Structure formats: structure tokens, C-alpha cells
């Protein structure tokens, strides 16, 4: 004789209740931005907009071509540890980006760095405080000369390739610091170039 299993019908009310609980739990699990996060996000967007404006002006004036700006042929800089690279545009961004990046670095005491990276995590121009002259000490260079490196760690690539309005991550820096990393995408004439990243203490 076949076994017949009997189930009590689930009420529509219970089903709706369960669905509501599951949906609400999913929403609660998403971390909300604190007032500091929102402030950093606003700064990131303003800095990103300034950089995009400057890059667009360079393209318009033919001082830089779109092919050069999206260049991913990274030329190793000899005798650098950690390894550094040149591109067709990094000397130009040294002249233009650093002034803007330093301005936003000084905007809030919680901020440790403000940088722009391409989609592969390449950082052509860093803040002045992280662009000190190179020495023969790799540990010193890691802490004080962080420019022109490729930050393709998990956090770095996620920030560089994110195309949503913003991305907030926890960042374990190679200097031993644990920071918050908020990034916003940089787009040049509709094409995704990379991201503006701000690292800060929450």
C-alpha cells in the first residue's frame, strides 16, 4: 500500500509573514553608511568629478589621446621594490592629479589616502606624502613611496573594476593597517577607466 503523506495547508498569512521576514533580514544584513561614510562618499564623488574634468580637457586639447589614457602596457621601472611601472600618461597625471588628490587628502583627519587607479589597479600618481624619494630600503619604500604600483589585491581589484555608484570595503593594507576603503568609478567619455579610492579610519 503506497505511503501517503499529508501536509497541513500553509495559510496565506503565514506565507506572507515568512516572505516579509526573509526579505527584511536580507535588507538588515547590508551595512548602512555611517555619517562619516557618507561624508567620505561625497568627497570621493567631488574628487572623481574634478579628475574626470581634467582628463576630458586633456583629451579635448589633444595633449593626451584616449588610447594613451587607457594604455595597459605597464613598463617596469628598473631597480624598484615593490615593483613600479610607467605608462604613456603617468607623468601627465603627476602634474595634474597630485594637486587635486592632496587637496582631498587634507579635507578630513580620518583620511589616509586618496588615489585614482585604472581597471587593473595601476596607480599612476599618489599623494605627495606617499611619493617620497626612493631608497634602498624596501620597507621604507612600501610605506613612503607607493606611487606607480599595481594594487591588484582582492580589495584593489574590486574597487578598480566596480561600476556601481560606490563600493565600501574593509582594506588590510600591506603596511599592516586596517582601513575602510570607499571607491567610486571613474568614467571617461562613457568608458570605464577605473576608480577613485579613499582609505580612512572609521
C-alpha atoms as a PDB file:
ATOM      1  CA  UNK A   1       0.000   0.000   0.000  1.00  0.00           C
ATOM      2  CA  UNK A   2       1.564   3.311  -1.010  1.00  0.00           C
ATOM      3  CA  UNK A   3       2.570   5.686   1.747  1.00  0.00           C
ATOM      4  CA  UNK A   4       0.512   8.834   1.633  1.00  0.00           C
ATOM      5  CA  UNK A   5       1.968  11.906   3.265  1.00  0.00           C
ATOM      6  CA  UNK A   6      -0.464  14.522   4.389  1.00  0.00           C
ATOM      7  CA  UNK A   7       0.551  18.180   4.773  1.00  0.00           C
ATOM      8  CA  UNK A   8      -1.462  20.769   6.523  1.00  0.00           C
ATOM      9  CA  UNK A   9      -2.100  23.697   4.189  1.00  0.00           C
ATOM     10  CA  UNK A  10       0.015  26.730   4.966  1.00  0.00           C
ATOM     11  CA  UNK A  11      -2.067  29.831   5.352  1.00  0.00           C
ATOM     12  CA  UNK A  12      -1.520  32.724   3.012  1.00  0.00           C
ATOM     13  CA  UNK A  13      -0.921  34.918   6.067  1.00  0.00           C
ATOM     14  CA  UNK A  14       1.960  32.698   7.246  1.00  0.00           C
ATOM     15  CA  UNK A  15       3.494  32.629   3.769  1.00  0.00           C
ATOM     16  CA  UNK A  16       3.404  36.410   3.504  1.00  0.00           C
ATOM     17  CA  UNK A  17       4.786  36.724   7.012  1.00  0.00           C
ATOM     18  CA  UNK A  18       7.688  34.378   6.213  1.00  0.00           C
ATOM     19  CA  UNK A  19       8.459  36.215   2.992  1.00  0.00           C
ATOM     20  CA  UNK A  20       8.479  39.537   4.796  1.00  0.00           C
ATOM     21  CA  UNK A  21      10.838  38.254   7.489  1.00  0.00           C
ATOM     22  CA  UNK A  22      13.270  36.827   4.937  1.00  0.00           C
ATOM     23  CA  UNK A  23      13.255  39.986   2.851  1.00  0.00           C
ATOM     24  CA  UNK A  24      13.712  42.222   5.880  1.00  0.00           C
ATOM     25  CA  UNK A  25      16.576  40.106   7.192  1.00  0.00           C
ATOM     26  CA  UNK A  26      18.357  40.409   3.873  1.00  0.00           C
ATOM     27  CA  UNK A  27      17.986  44.165   3.992  1.00  0.00           C
ATOM     28  CA  UNK A  28      19.260  44.411   7.566  1.00  0.00           C
ATOM     29  CA  UNK A  29      22.323  42.346   6.704  1.00  0.00           C
ATOM     30  CA  UNK A  30      23.523  45.079   4.354  1.00  0.00           C
ATOM     31  CA  UNK A  31      25.777  47.512   6.199  1.00  0.00           C
ATOM     32  CA  UNK A  32      24.413  51.038   6.287  1.00  0.00           C
ATOM     33  CA  UNK A  33      26.653  54.010   5.640  1.00  0.00           C
ATOM     34  CA  UNK A  34      27.567  55.967   8.751  1.00  0.00           C
ATOM     35  CA  UNK A  35      27.641  59.797   8.703  1.00  0.00           C
ATOM     36  CA  UNK A  36      31.425  59.559   8.205  1.00  0.00           C
ATOM     37  CA  UNK A  37      30.987  57.112   5.305  1.00  0.00           C
ATOM     38  CA  UNK A  38      28.506  59.484   3.675  1.00  0.00           C
ATOM     39  CA  UNK A  39      30.916  62.378   4.105  1.00  0.00           C
ATOM     40  CA  UNK A  40      33.747  60.364   2.532  1.00  0.00           C
ATOM     41  CA  UNK A  41      31.445  59.280  -0.308  1.00  0.00           C
ATOM     42  CA  UNK A  42      30.639  62.925  -1.073  1.00  0.00           C
ATOM     43  CA  UNK A  43      34.335  63.822  -1.088  1.00  0.00           C
ATOM     44  CA  UNK A  44      35.093  60.849  -3.344  1.00  0.00           C
ATOM     45  CA  UNK A  45      32.445  61.899  -5.849  1.00  0.00           C
ATOM     46  CA  UNK A  46      33.693  65.515  -5.908  1.00  0.00           C
ATOM     47  CA  UNK A  47      37.306  64.436  -6.345  1.00  0.00           C
ATOM     48  CA  UNK A  48      36.316  61.966  -9.071  1.00  0.00           C
ATOM     49  CA  UNK A  49      34.405  64.685 -10.910  1.00  0.00           C
ATOM     50  CA  UNK A  50      37.424  67.011 -10.829  1.00  0.00           C
ATOM     51  CA  UNK A  51      39.724  64.310 -12.182  1.00  0.00           C
ATOM     52  CA  UNK A  52      37.265  63.400 -14.946  1.00  0.00           C
ATOM     53  CA  UNK A  53      37.001  67.071 -15.911  1.00  0.00           C
ATOM     54  CA  UNK A  54      40.789  67.416 -16.127  1.00  0.00           C
ATOM     55  CA  UNK A  55      41.162  64.242 -18.180  1.00  0.00           C
ATOM     56  CA  UNK A  56      38.417  65.307 -20.557  1.00  0.00           C
ATOM     57  CA  UNK A  57      40.183  68.668 -21.009  1.00  0.00           C
ATOM     58  CA  UNK A  58      43.437  66.874 -21.833  1.00  0.00           C
ATOM     59  CA  UNK A  59      41.649  64.779 -24.456  1.00  0.00           C
ATOM     60  CA  UNK A  60      39.925  67.825 -25.931  1.00  0.00           C
ATOM     61  CA  UNK A  61      43.213  69.720 -26.196  1.00  0.00           C
ATOM     62  CA  UNK A  62      44.937  66.660 -27.745  1.00  0.00           C
ATOM     63  CA  UNK A  63      47.566  66.694 -25.002  1.00  0.00           C
ATOM     64  CA  UNK A  64      46.516  63.121 -24.372  1.00  0.00           C
ATOM     65  CA  UNK A  65      44.761  60.586 -26.566  1.00  0.00           C
ATOM     66  CA  UNK A  66      42.133  58.141 -25.402  1.00  0.00           C
ATOM     67  CA  UNK A  67      44.406  55.270 -26.462  1.00  0.00           C
ATOM     68  CA  UNK A  68      47.178  56.640 -24.250  1.00  0.00           C
ATOM     69  CA  UNK A  69      44.849  57.128 -21.303  1.00  0.00           C
ATOM     70  CA  UNK A  70      43.587  53.558 -21.499  1.00  0.00           C
ATOM     71  CA  UNK A  71      47.093  52.184 -22.035  1.00  0.00           C
ATOM     72  CA  UNK A  72      47.697  48.988 -20.064  1.00  0.00           C
ATOM     73  CA  UNK A  73      51.237  48.323 -21.277  1.00  0.00           C
ATOM     74  CA  UNK A  74      53.000  48.747 -17.961  1.00  0.00           C
ATOM     75  CA  UNK A  75      56.716  49.413 -18.371  1.00  0.00           C
ATOM     76  CA  UNK A  76      58.694  48.158 -15.344  1.00  0.00           C
ATOM     77  CA  UNK A  77      60.827  50.794 -13.629  1.00  0.00           C
ATOM     78  CA  UNK A  78      64.238  49.168 -13.031  1.00  0.00           C
ATOM     79  CA  UNK A  79      65.514  48.509  -9.521  1.00  0.00           C
ATOM     80  CA  UNK A  80      62.268  49.207  -7.713  1.00  0.00           C
ATOM     81  CA  UNK A  81      60.937  47.084  -4.857  1.00  0.00           C
ATOM     82  CA  UNK A  82      57.986  46.812  -4.638  1.00  0.00           C
ATOM     83  CA  UNK A  83      57.917  46.923  -8.453  1.00  0.00           C
ATOM     84  CA  UNK A  84      56.827  50.165 -10.090  1.00  0.00           C
ATOM     85  CA  UNK A  85      55.704  50.919 -13.639  1.00  0.00           C
ATOM     86  CA  UNK A  86      55.405  53.743 -16.154  1.00  0.00           C
ATOM     87  CA  UNK A  87      52.601  54.184 -18.680  1.00  0.00           C
ATOM     88  CA  UNK A  88      52.066  56.637 -21.522  1.00  0.00           C
ATOM     89  CA  UNK A  89      50.245  59.017 -19.206  1.00  0.00           C
ATOM     90  CA  UNK A  90      51.653  58.763 -15.661  1.00  0.00           C
ATOM     91  CA  UNK A  91      53.949  61.773 -15.991  1.00  0.00           C
ATOM     92  CA  UNK A  92      50.968  63.863 -17.064  1.00  0.00           C
ATOM     93  CA  UNK A  93      48.869  62.717 -14.110  1.00  0.00           C
ATOM     94  CA  UNK A  94      51.791  63.534 -11.787  1.00  0.00           C
ATOM     95  CA  UNK A  95      51.410  67.152 -12.839  1.00  0.00           C
ATOM     96  CA  UNK A  96      47.609  67.269 -12.710  1.00  0.00           C
ATOM     97  CA  UNK A  97      46.286  64.621 -10.316  1.00  0.00           C
ATOM     98  CA  UNK A  98      48.541  65.155  -7.315  1.00  0.00           C
ATOM     99  CA  UNK A  99      47.337  68.681  -6.558  1.00  0.00           C
ATOM    100  CA  UNK A 100      43.721  67.509  -6.584  1.00  0.00           C
ATOM    101  CA  UNK A 101      44.380  64.308  -4.642  1.00  0.00           C
ATOM    102  CA  UNK A 102      46.338  66.163  -1.948  1.00  0.00           C
ATOM    103  CA  UNK A 103      43.516  68.674  -1.549  1.00  0.00           C
ATOM    104  CA  UNK A 104      41.039  65.929  -0.711  1.00  0.00           C
ATOM    105  CA  UNK A 105      43.545  64.103   1.494  1.00  0.00           C
ATOM    106  CA  UNK A 106      43.618  67.211   3.690  1.00  0.00           C
ATOM    107  CA  UNK A 107      39.826  67.504   3.775  1.00  0.00           C
ATOM    108  CA  UNK A 108      39.274  65.201   6.780  1.00  0.00           C
ATOM    109  CA  UNK A 109      41.549  63.929   9.544  1.00  0.00           C
ATOM    110  CA  UNK A 110      40.224  60.372   9.144  1.00  0.00           C
ATOM    111  CA  UNK A 111      41.549  60.069   5.582  1.00  0.00           C
ATOM    112  CA  UNK A 112      44.866  58.275   4.991  1.00  0.00           C
ATOM    113  CA  UNK A 113      44.997  58.283   1.205  1.00  0.00           C
ATOM    114  CA  UNK A 114      43.133  59.474  -1.887  1.00  0.00           C
ATOM    115  CA  UNK A 115      44.123  57.831  -5.177  1.00  0.00           C
ATOM    116  CA  UNK A 116      42.925  57.098  -8.685  1.00  0.00           C
ATOM    117  CA  UNK A 117      43.585  53.640 -10.158  1.00  0.00           C
ATOM    118  CA  UNK A 118      42.884  52.118 -13.557  1.00  0.00           C
ATOM    119  CA  UNK A 119      40.815  48.942 -14.060  1.00  0.00           C
ATOM    120  CA  UNK A 120      43.821  46.752 -13.259  1.00  0.00           C
ATOM    121  CA  UNK A 121      44.636  48.548 -10.036  1.00  0.00           C
ATOM    122  CA  UNK A 122      47.527  50.547 -11.515  1.00  0.00           C
ATOM    123  CA  UNK A 123      48.118  53.713  -9.515  1.00  0.00           C
ATOM    124  CA  UNK A 124      49.913  56.289 -11.710  1.00  0.00           C
ATOM    125  CA  UNK A 125      50.049  59.140  -9.182  1.00  0.00           C
ATOM    126  CA  UNK A 126      49.880  59.022  -5.386  1.00  0.00           C
ATOM    127  CA  UNK A 127      49.568  61.709  -2.718  1.00  0.00           C
ATOM    128  CA  UNK A 128      52.707  63.751  -2.060  1.00  0.00           C
ATOM    129  CA  UNK A 129      53.204  62.147   1.364  1.00  0.00           C
ATOM    130  CA  UNK A 130      53.429  58.713  -0.315  1.00  0.00           C
ATOM    131  CA  UNK A 131      55.694  59.856  -3.140  1.00  0.00           C
ATOM    132  CA  UNK A 132      58.888  60.494  -1.234  1.00  0.00           C
ATOM    133  CA  UNK A 133      62.261  59.744  -2.878  1.00  0.00           C
ATOM    134  CA  UNK A 134      63.091  56.066  -3.222  1.00  0.00           C
ATOM    135  CA  UNK A 135      65.728  54.489  -1.007  1.00  0.00           C
ATOM    136  CA  UNK A 136      67.496  51.121  -0.883  1.00  0.00           C
ATOM    137  CA  UNK A 137      65.149  50.036   1.937  1.00  0.00           C
ATOM    138  CA  UNK A 138      62.097  48.136   0.576  1.00  0.00           C
ATOM    139  CA  UNK A 139      60.215  48.542   3.869  1.00  0.00           C
ATOM    140  CA  UNK A 140      60.652  52.330   3.778  1.00  0.00           C
ATOM    141  CA  UNK A 141      59.607  52.410   0.134  1.00  0.00           C
ATOM    142  CA  UNK A 142      56.487  50.342   0.856  1.00  0.00           C
ATOM    143  CA  UNK A 143      55.371  52.899   3.427  1.00  0.00           C
ATOM    144  CA  UNK A 144      56.539  56.156   1.863  1.00  0.00           C
ATOM    145  CA  UNK A 145      56.728  55.677  -1.907  1.00  0.00           C
ATOM    146  CA  UNK A 146      53.553  53.886  -3.009  1.00  0.00           C
ATOM    147  CA  UNK A 147      53.096  55.543  -6.380  1.00  0.00           C
ATOM    148  CA  UNK A 148      53.177  53.804  -9.794  1.00  0.00           C
ATOM    149  CA  UNK A 149      52.438  50.386  -8.332  1.00  0.00           C
ATOM    150  CA  UNK A 150      49.758  47.880  -9.362  1.00  0.00           C
ATOM    151  CA  UNK A 151      47.458  47.189  -6.419  1.00  0.00           C
ATOM    152  CA  UNK A 152      45.775  44.056  -7.727  1.00  0.00           C
ATOM    153  CA  UNK A 153      44.927  42.523  -4.371  1.00  0.00           C
ATOM    154  CA  UNK A 154      41.322  41.467  -3.818  1.00  0.00           C
ATOM    155  CA  UNK A 155      40.249  44.835  -2.400  1.00  0.00           C
ATOM    156  CA  UNK A 156      42.160  46.805  -5.007  1.00  0.00           C
ATOM    157  CA  UNK A 157      40.709  44.953  -7.984  1.00  0.00           C
ATOM    158  CA  UNK A 158      37.173  45.035  -6.585  1.00  0.00           C
ATOM    159  CA  UNK A 159      37.428  48.813  -6.266  1.00  0.00           C
ATOM    160  CA  UNK A 160      39.091  49.254  -9.653  1.00  0.00           C
ATOM    161  CA  UNK A 161      36.504  47.199 -11.556  1.00  0.00           C
ATOM    162  CA  UNK A 162      33.349  48.200  -9.716  1.00  0.00           C
ATOM    163  CA  UNK A 163      30.842  50.069 -11.888  1.00  0.00           C
ATOM    164  CA  UNK A 164      28.144  50.628  -9.268  1.00  0.00           C
ATOM    165  CA  UNK A 165      27.778  54.118  -7.762  1.00  0.00           C
ATOM    166  CA  UNK A 166      30.123  53.247  -4.896  1.00  0.00           C
ATOM    167  CA  UNK A 167      31.799  50.351  -3.107  1.00  0.00           C
ATOM    168  CA  UNK A 168      32.690  50.241   0.594  1.00  0.00           C
ATOM    169  CA  UNK A 169      35.208  47.596   1.700  1.00  0.00           C
ATOM    170  CA  UNK A 170      37.461  46.718   4.606  1.00  0.00           C
ATOM    171  CA  UNK A 171      41.060  47.091   3.492  1.00  0.00           C
ATOM    172  CA  UNK A 172      44.041  45.334   5.060  1.00  0.00           C
ATOM    173  CA  UNK A 173      46.892  47.477   3.806  1.00  0.00           C
ATOM    174  CA  UNK A 174      50.317  45.958   3.158  1.00  0.00           C
ATOM    175  CA  UNK A 175      51.658  48.319   5.821  1.00  0.00           C
ATOM    176  CA  UNK A 176      49.651  46.458   8.462  1.00  0.00           C
ATOM    177  CA  UNK A 177      46.808  48.964   8.822  1.00  0.00           C
ATOM    178  CA  UNK A 178      43.126  48.019   8.687  1.00  0.00           C
ATOM    179  CA  UNK A 179      41.107  50.717   6.949  1.00  0.00           C
ATOM    180  CA  UNK A 180      37.793  51.390   5.303  1.00  0.00           C
ATOM    181  CA  UNK A 181      38.078  51.780   1.523  1.00  0.00           C
ATOM    182  CA  UNK A 182      35.347  53.674  -0.286  1.00  0.00           C
ATOM    183  CA  UNK A 183      35.582  53.890  -4.062  1.00  0.00           C
ATOM    184  CA  UNK A 184      33.562  55.410  -6.886  1.00  0.00           C
ATOM    185  CA  UNK A 185      34.007  54.560 -10.587  1.00  0.00           C
ATOM    186  CA  UNK A 186      35.834  56.891 -12.969  1.00  0.00           C
ATOM    187  CA  UNK A 187      34.402  57.046 -16.468  1.00  0.00           C
ATOM    188  CA  UNK A 188      35.955  58.923 -19.346  1.00  0.00           C
ATOM    189  CA  UNK A 189      33.535  59.788 -22.134  1.00  0.00           C
ATOM    190  CA  UNK A 190      31.311  56.882 -21.170  1.00  0.00           C
ATOM    191  CA  UNK A 191      34.114  54.323 -20.881  1.00  0.00           C
ATOM    192  CA  UNK A 192      35.067  52.847 -17.514  1.00  0.00           C
ATOM    193  CA  UNK A 193      38.680  53.789 -16.723  1.00  0.00           C
ATOM    194  CA  UNK A 194      38.981  52.756 -13.077  1.00  0.00           C
ATOM    195  CA  UNK A 195      38.158  54.170  -9.664  1.00  0.00           C
ATOM    196  CA  UNK A 196      38.743  56.928  -7.170  1.00  0.00           C
ATOM    197  CA  UNK A 197      39.643  55.309  -3.837  1.00  0.00           C
ATOM    198  CA  UNK A 198      39.673  56.884  -0.388  1.00  0.00           C
ATOM    199  CA  UNK A 199      41.164  54.976   2.534  1.00  0.00           C
ATOM    200  CA  UNK A 200      40.177  56.131   6.002  1.00  0.00           C
ATOM    201  CA  UNK A 201      39.827  55.172   9.658  1.00  0.00           C
ATOM    202  CA  UNK A 202      36.214  54.720  10.772  1.00  0.00           C
END
